[in-house]
Amino acid sequence: MNKWDQPVDVICSEDLTPFATRRIARDFFYAGMLGTDGSERDRYVNIFTALEETDDKMVHDGVYGGKIPVIRGISKFVGDRIVEVKRFEEPITYHDYVSQQKQ
């Protein structure tokens, strides 16, 4: 299986959205990149670039200044949009979130 058929977690604006495949995520963020401007477009470009250039299980928008990204909510990709599913009372790192899910 190539990387485009693998699932990927995307963190954008401190929300984690799991995508069934990198291909779906890439196409979504490419369209968003073309349809936005300013800081939103910058976030989409960062995610699109990370999807293209890495094989990482998680990619993010890069607005953390080199820090580990935090998650304040969980979203779901439905059809052609991302919808909010859950908000956390306190922010959590991606690593801590994944560790909790395995328990």
Protein backbone atom coordinates (compact mmCIF):
# COMPACT_ATOMS: atom_id res chain seq x y z
CA MET A 1 0.00 0.00 0.00
CA ASN A 2 1.43 3.39 -0.91
CA LYS A 3 1.38 6.41 1.37
CA TRP A 4 -1.63 7.95 -0.40
CA ASP A 5 -3.83 5.04 0.69
CA GLN A 6 -2.77 5.32 4.36
CA PRO A 7 -4.87 7.11 6.99
CA VAL A 8 -3.55 10.43 8.30
CA ASP A 9 -4.38 12.74 11.20
CA VAL A 10 -4.38 16.46 10.41
CA ILE A 11 -4.18 19.21 13.01
CA CYS A 12 -5.41 22.56 11.75
CA SER A 13 -6.31 25.48 14.02
CA GLU A 14 -5.83 23.17 17.01
CA ASP A 15 -8.48 20.70 15.82
CA LEU A 16 -7.58 17.11 14.99
CA THR A 17 -9.29 15.62 11.96
CA PRO A 18 -8.60 12.00 11.02
CA PHE A 19 -8.77 11.32 7.26
CA ALA A 20 -9.32 7.82 5.85
CA THR A 21 -6.50 8.38 3.32
CA ARG A 22 -3.77 10.94 2.67
CA ARG A 23 -5.23 11.32 -0.84
CA ILE A 24 -8.56 12.56 0.56
CA ALA A 25 -6.75 14.95 2.91
CA ARG A 26 -4.46 16.20 0.13
CA ASP A 27 -7.39 16.88 -2.20
CA PHE A 28 -9.34 18.67 0.54
CA PHE A 29 -6.45 20.93 1.54
CA TYR A 30 -5.50 21.58 -2.10
CA ALA A 31 -9.03 22.83 -2.80
CA GLY A 32 -8.93 24.88 0.40
CA MET A 33 -5.59 26.35 -0.58
CA LEU A 34 -7.05 27.55 -3.87
CA GLY A 35 -10.21 28.92 -2.28
CA THR A 36 -8.79 30.90 0.64
CA ASP A 37 -6.35 33.69 1.33
CA GLY A 38 -4.31 35.14 4.18
CA SER A 39 -3.51 33.09 7.27
CA GLU A 40 -6.10 30.43 6.43
CA ARG A 41 -4.42 29.84 3.07
CA ASP A 42 -1.03 29.67 4.82
CA ARG A 43 -2.32 26.91 7.12
CA TYR A 44 -3.71 24.96 4.15
CA VAL A 45 -0.44 25.34 2.21
CA ASN A 46 1.56 24.07 5.22
CA ILE A 47 -0.68 21.02 5.56
CA PHE A 48 -0.72 20.29 1.83
CA THR A 49 3.08 20.54 1.70
CA ALA A 50 3.48 18.23 4.71
CA LEU A 51 1.14 15.69 3.13
CA GLU A 52 3.21 15.76 -0.06
CA GLU A 53 6.67 15.75 1.52
CA THR A 54 6.35 13.38 4.49
CA ASP A 55 5.01 9.96 5.35
CA ASP A 56 4.16 11.04 8.91
CA LYS A 57 0.98 9.69 10.52
CA MET A 58 0.19 13.24 11.68
CA VAL A 59 0.68 16.55 9.90
CA HIS A 60 -0.20 20.02 11.13
CA ASP A 61 -0.51 23.58 10.00
CA GLY A 62 2.83 24.68 11.44
CA VAL A 63 1.54 27.64 13.43
CA TYR A 64 3.17 26.39 16.63
CA GLY A 65 6.59 27.87 16.05
CA GLY A 66 8.37 24.54 16.33
CA LYS A 67 6.44 23.51 19.42
CA ILE A 68 4.48 20.29 19.66
CA PRO A 69 0.97 21.02 18.35
CA VAL A 70 -1.90 20.87 20.81
CA ILE A 71 -5.44 19.75 20.21
CA ARG A 72 -8.44 21.60 21.57
CA GLY A 73 -11.02 19.61 19.66
CA ILE A 74 -11.76 16.63 17.45
CA SER A 75 -13.41 17.04 14.07
CA LYS A 76 -14.65 14.64 11.42
CA PHE A 77 -14.39 14.81 7.64
CA VAL A 78 -17.88 14.35 6.20
CA GLY A 79 -18.54 14.58 2.48
CA ASP A 80 -16.60 17.67 1.49
CA ARG A 81 -16.32 19.46 4.82
CA ILE A 82 -14.91 19.20 8.31
CA VAL A 83 -17.42 19.26 11.17
CA GLU A 84 -16.69 19.66 14.86
CA VAL A 85 -17.36 16.59 16.99
CA LYS A 86 -15.89 17.27 20.44
CA ARG A 87 -14.18 20.08 22.37
CA PHE A 88 -11.77 19.42 25.22
CA GLU A 89 -11.85 21.35 28.48
CA GLU A 90 -8.04 21.55 28.44
CA PRO A 91 -5.70 21.36 25.42
CA ILE A 92 -3.84 18.09 24.92
CA THR A 93 -0.83 17.17 22.79
CA TYR A 94 -1.29 14.82 19.87
CA HIS A 95 1.02 12.26 21.49
CA ASP A 96 -0.99 12.30 24.75
CA TYR A 97 -4.26 12.03 22.81
CA VAL A 98 -3.04 8.99 20.86
CA SER A 99 -1.74 7.37 24.05
CA GLN A 100 -5.12 7.84 25.74
CA GLN A 101 -6.93 6.29 22.76
CA LYS A 102 -4.81 3.14 23.03
CA GLN A 103 -5.80 2.58 26.67
